[in-house]
């Protein structure tokens, strides 16, 4: 799952330009990108930890962010999500 939405959105912006999204859908896109960045950061920190007690305390935060990403993305493929966001912006 690592940054799959962020990578897809970045490719869309690079290849097709800025999609025509309303404020609500644009905010949703930015929230997804932000949460994926935070999730990646927590996973990187967790991987560098040696102390097992410290290691597992990150699981709660990682799980919370993962659930929020699933809620925002409806747990669909990035292409489907982008189409849904564009459709909901009309």
N, C-alpha and C. Protein backbone atom coordinates (compact mmCIF):
# COMPACT_ATOMS: atom_id res chain seq x y z
N UNK A 1 0.82 -1.19 0.00
CA UNK A 1 0.00 0.00 0.00
C UNK A 1 0.86 1.26 0.00
N UNK A 2 2.10 1.13 0.20
CA UNK A 2 2.97 2.26 0.45
C UNK A 2 2.85 3.37 -0.59
N UNK A 3 2.14 4.41 -0.20
CA UNK A 3 2.02 5.64 -0.99
C UNK A 3 1.40 5.41 -2.37
N UNK A 4 0.55 4.41 -2.51
CA UNK A 4 0.01 4.11 -3.84
C UNK A 4 -0.88 5.23 -4.36
N UNK A 5 -1.64 5.87 -3.50
CA UNK A 5 -2.50 6.96 -3.95
C UNK A 5 -1.66 8.19 -4.29
N UNK A 6 -0.70 8.49 -3.45
CA UNK A 6 0.18 9.63 -3.69
C UNK A 6 0.93 9.46 -5.01
N UNK A 7 1.45 8.28 -5.25
CA UNK A 7 2.18 8.02 -6.51
C UNK A 7 1.24 8.17 -7.71
N UNK A 8 0.03 7.66 -7.60
CA UNK A 8 -0.91 7.76 -8.70
C UNK A 8 -1.31 9.22 -8.94
N UNK A 9 -1.67 9.94 -7.87
CA UNK A 9 -2.07 11.34 -8.02
C UNK A 9 -0.93 12.16 -8.61
N UNK A 10 0.29 11.88 -8.19
CA UNK A 10 1.44 12.59 -8.73
C UNK A 10 1.58 12.35 -10.23
N UNK A 11 1.39 11.10 -10.65
CA UNK A 11 1.45 10.77 -12.07
C UNK A 11 0.36 11.47 -12.87
N UNK A 12 -0.84 11.54 -12.32
CA UNK A 12 -1.95 12.22 -12.99
C UNK A 12 -1.60 13.70 -13.16
N UNK A 13 -1.12 14.33 -12.11
CA UNK A 13 -0.76 15.75 -12.18
C UNK A 13 0.35 15.99 -13.20
N UNK A 14 1.33 15.12 -13.23
CA UNK A 14 2.46 15.27 -14.13
C UNK A 14 2.04 15.07 -15.59
N UNK A 15 1.18 14.08 -15.84
CA UNK A 15 0.84 13.71 -17.20
C UNK A 15 -0.40 14.41 -17.76
N UNK A 16 -1.36 14.73 -16.91
CA UNK A 16 -2.63 15.27 -17.39
C UNK A 16 -2.95 16.65 -16.85
N UNK A 17 -2.14 17.15 -15.94
CA UNK A 17 -2.42 18.44 -15.33
C UNK A 17 -3.33 18.28 -14.13
N UNK A 18 -3.72 19.40 -13.58
CA UNK A 18 -4.55 19.41 -12.38
C UNK A 18 -5.98 18.99 -12.74
N UNK A 19 -6.50 17.95 -12.07
CA UNK A 19 -7.88 17.54 -12.35
C UNK A 19 -8.87 18.60 -11.85
N UNK A 20 -10.01 18.64 -12.47
CA UNK A 20 -11.04 19.61 -12.11
C UNK A 20 -11.82 19.10 -10.91
N UNK A 21 -11.33 19.44 -9.71
CA UNK A 21 -11.96 18.99 -8.46
C UNK A 21 -12.54 20.18 -7.72
N UNK A 22 -13.67 19.96 -7.05
CA UNK A 22 -14.21 21.02 -6.21
C UNK A 22 -13.40 21.07 -4.91
N UNK A 23 -13.70 22.03 -4.07
CA UNK A 23 -12.92 22.24 -2.84
C UNK A 23 -12.95 21.01 -1.94
N UNK A 24 -14.11 20.39 -1.81
CA UNK A 24 -14.25 19.22 -0.94
C UNK A 24 -13.39 18.05 -1.44
N UNK A 25 -13.42 17.79 -2.72
CA UNK A 25 -12.65 16.67 -3.27
C UNK A 25 -11.16 16.97 -3.28
N UNK A 26 -10.80 18.23 -3.51
CA UNK A 26 -9.39 18.62 -3.45
C UNK A 26 -8.85 18.43 -2.03
N UNK A 27 -9.64 18.83 -1.05
CA UNK A 27 -9.23 18.65 0.36
C UNK A 27 -9.08 17.16 0.67
N UNK A 28 -9.97 16.36 0.14
CA UNK A 28 -9.88 14.90 0.33
C UNK A 28 -8.59 14.36 -0.26
N UNK A 29 -8.26 14.80 -1.48
CA UNK A 29 -7.02 14.36 -2.13
C UNK A 29 -5.81 14.75 -1.28
N UNK A 30 -5.79 15.99 -0.80
CA UNK A 30 -4.66 16.46 0.00
C UNK A 30 -4.57 15.71 1.33
N UNK A 31 -5.70 15.39 1.94
CA UNK A 31 -5.70 14.62 3.19
C UNK A 31 -5.11 13.22 2.96
N UNK A 32 -5.47 12.60 1.86
CA UNK A 32 -4.95 11.26 1.54
C UNK A 32 -3.43 11.33 1.38
N UNK A 33 -2.96 12.31 0.62
CA UNK A 33 -1.52 12.47 0.39
C UNK A 33 -0.80 12.71 1.72
N UNK A 34 -1.36 13.57 2.55
CA UNK A 34 -0.75 13.87 3.84
C UNK A 34 -0.70 12.64 4.74
N UNK A 35 -1.81 11.92 4.81
CA UNK A 35 -1.86 10.72 5.66
C UNK A 35 -0.90 9.64 5.17
N UNK A 36 -0.79 9.48 3.86
CA UNK A 36 0.17 8.49 3.35
C UNK A 36 1.60 8.87 3.71
N UNK A 37 1.90 10.15 3.67
CA UNK A 37 3.23 10.62 4.08
C UNK A 37 3.50 10.34 5.55
N UNK A 38 2.50 10.62 6.38
CA UNK A 38 2.65 10.34 7.82
C UNK A 38 2.80 8.85 8.07
N UNK A 39 2.02 8.05 7.36
CA UNK A 39 2.09 6.60 7.52
C UNK A 39 3.49 6.09 7.14
N UNK A 40 4.01 6.56 6.02
CA UNK A 40 5.35 6.14 5.59
C UNK A 40 6.39 6.53 6.62
N UNK A 41 6.26 7.73 7.17
CA UNK A 41 7.20 8.19 8.19
C UNK A 41 7.16 7.28 9.42
N UNK A 42 5.95 6.93 9.89
CA UNK A 42 5.83 6.05 11.05
C UNK A 42 6.41 4.66 10.76
N UNK A 43 6.17 4.15 9.56
CA UNK A 43 6.72 2.84 9.20
C UNK A 43 8.24 2.88 9.17
N UNK A 44 8.80 3.97 8.65
CA UNK A 44 10.26 4.11 8.62
C UNK A 44 10.83 4.18 10.04
N UNK A 45 10.18 4.94 10.91
CA UNK A 45 10.63 5.04 12.30
C UNK A 45 10.54 3.67 12.98
N UNK A 46 9.42 3.00 12.78
CA UNK A 46 9.22 1.69 13.40
C UNK A 46 10.30 0.70 12.96
N UNK A 47 10.67 0.75 11.69
CA UNK A 47 11.71 -0.15 11.18
C UNK A 47 13.08 0.11 11.79
N UNK A 48 13.31 1.34 12.25
CA UNK A 48 14.62 1.67 12.80
C UNK A 48 14.72 1.43 14.31
N UNK A 49 13.63 1.04 14.93
CA UNK A 49 13.61 0.86 16.40
C UNK A 49 14.10 -0.53 16.78
N UNK A 50 14.93 -0.56 17.80
CA UNK A 50 15.48 -1.82 18.31
C UNK A 50 14.70 -2.34 19.51
N UNK A 51 14.19 -1.44 20.34
CA UNK A 51 13.48 -1.78 21.56
C UNK A 51 12.08 -2.28 21.21
N UNK A 52 11.76 -3.51 21.63
CA UNK A 52 10.48 -4.11 21.24
C UNK A 52 9.28 -3.37 21.83
N UNK A 53 9.42 -2.80 23.01
CA UNK A 53 8.31 -2.06 23.62
C UNK A 53 8.00 -0.81 22.79
N UNK A 54 9.03 -0.11 22.38
CA UNK A 54 8.87 1.06 21.52
C UNK A 54 8.31 0.66 20.16
N UNK A 55 8.78 -0.46 19.66
CA UNK A 55 8.40 -0.94 18.33
C UNK A 55 6.89 -1.09 18.21
N UNK A 56 6.26 -1.69 19.19
CA UNK A 56 4.84 -1.99 19.09
C UNK A 56 3.93 -0.81 19.41
N UNK A 57 4.45 0.22 20.06
CA UNK A 57 3.60 1.38 20.35
C UNK A 57 3.23 2.12 19.07
N UNK A 58 4.02 1.95 18.03
CA UNK A 58 3.72 2.60 16.75
C UNK A 58 2.57 1.90 16.02
N UNK A 59 2.32 0.65 16.35
CA UNK A 59 1.25 -0.08 15.67
C UNK A 59 -0.11 0.58 15.82
N UNK A 60 -0.39 1.13 16.99
CA UNK A 60 -1.68 1.79 17.23
C UNK A 60 -1.81 3.01 16.31
N UNK A 61 -0.78 3.82 16.24
CA UNK A 61 -0.81 5.02 15.38
C UNK A 61 -0.88 4.62 13.91
N UNK A 62 -0.13 3.61 13.53
CA UNK A 62 -0.13 3.15 12.14
C UNK A 62 -1.51 2.63 11.77
N UNK A 63 -2.12 1.87 12.65
CA UNK A 63 -3.45 1.32 12.40
C UNK A 63 -4.49 2.44 12.28
N UNK A 64 -4.40 3.44 13.13
CA UNK A 64 -5.34 4.56 13.09
C UNK A 64 -5.25 5.30 11.75
N UNK A 65 -4.03 5.57 11.30
CA UNK A 65 -3.84 6.28 10.03
C UNK A 65 -4.29 5.41 8.85
N UNK A 66 -3.97 4.12 8.90
CA UNK A 66 -4.39 3.20 7.85
C UNK A 66 -5.91 3.18 7.72
N UNK A 67 -6.60 3.14 8.85
CA UNK A 67 -8.07 3.15 8.83
C UNK A 67 -8.61 4.45 8.27
N UNK A 68 -7.99 5.56 8.59
CA UNK A 68 -8.43 6.85 8.07
C UNK A 68 -8.23 6.91 6.55
N UNK A 69 -7.11 6.37 6.07
CA UNK A 69 -6.86 6.32 4.63
C UNK A 69 -7.93 5.47 3.94
N UNK A 70 -8.24 4.33 4.53
CA UNK A 70 -9.28 3.46 3.96
C UNK A 70 -10.63 4.17 3.93
N UNK A 71 -10.92 4.93 4.96
CA UNK A 71 -12.18 5.67 5.02
C UNK A 71 -12.24 6.73 3.91
N UNK A 72 -11.16 7.45 3.70
CA UNK A 72 -11.12 8.50 2.69
C UNK A 72 -11.11 7.95 1.26
N UNK A 73 -10.47 6.81 1.08
CA UNK A 73 -10.30 6.25 -0.27
C UNK A 73 -11.38 5.24 -0.62
N UNK A 74 -12.23 4.93 0.34
CA UNK A 74 -13.26 3.89 0.16
C UNK A 74 -12.64 2.54 -0.17
N UNK A 75 -11.34 2.43 0.08
CA UNK A 75 -10.56 1.20 -0.14
C UNK A 75 -10.67 0.69 -1.58
N UNK A 76 -10.68 1.65 -2.54
CA UNK A 76 -10.71 1.29 -3.96
C UNK A 76 -9.37 1.63 -4.60
N UNK A 77 -9.18 1.19 -5.82
CA UNK A 77 -7.95 1.49 -6.54
C UNK A 77 -7.82 2.99 -6.79
N UNK A 78 -6.60 3.49 -6.88
CA UNK A 78 -6.40 4.92 -7.09
C UNK A 78 -7.13 5.46 -8.33
N UNK A 79 -7.14 4.71 -9.42
CA UNK A 79 -7.82 5.15 -10.64
C UNK A 79 -9.31 5.33 -10.39
N UNK A 80 -9.91 4.37 -9.71
CA UNK A 80 -11.35 4.45 -9.39
C UNK A 80 -11.63 5.64 -8.48
N UNK A 81 -10.77 5.85 -7.52
CA UNK A 81 -10.95 6.96 -6.59
C UNK A 81 -10.90 8.29 -7.33
N UNK A 82 -9.93 8.45 -8.21
CA UNK A 82 -9.81 9.71 -8.95
C UNK A 82 -11.04 9.94 -9.81
N UNK A 83 -11.52 8.90 -10.48
CA UNK A 83 -12.74 9.03 -11.30
C UNK A 83 -13.92 9.43 -10.42
N UNK A 84 -14.02 8.79 -9.24
CA UNK A 84 -15.11 9.09 -8.31
C UNK A 84 -15.02 10.55 -7.84
N UNK A 85 -13.82 11.01 -7.55
CA UNK A 85 -13.63 12.38 -7.07
C UNK A 85 -13.99 13.39 -8.16
N UNK A 86 -13.60 13.11 -9.40
CA UNK A 86 -13.94 14.00 -10.51
C UNK A 86 -15.45 14.01 -10.72
N UNK A 87 -16.06 12.85 -10.68
CA UNK A 87 -17.53 12.74 -10.85
C UNK A 87 -18.25 13.52 -9.76
N UNK A 88 -17.79 13.39 -8.50
CA UNK A 88 -18.43 14.07 -7.37
C UNK A 88 -18.17 15.57 -7.36
N UNK A 89 -17.26 16.03 -8.21
CA UNK A 89 -16.96 17.47 -8.29
C UNK A 89 -17.88 18.20 -9.27
N UNK A 90 -18.67 17.47 -10.03
CA UNK A 90 -19.55 18.10 -11.04
C UNK A 90 -20.84 18.57 -10.41
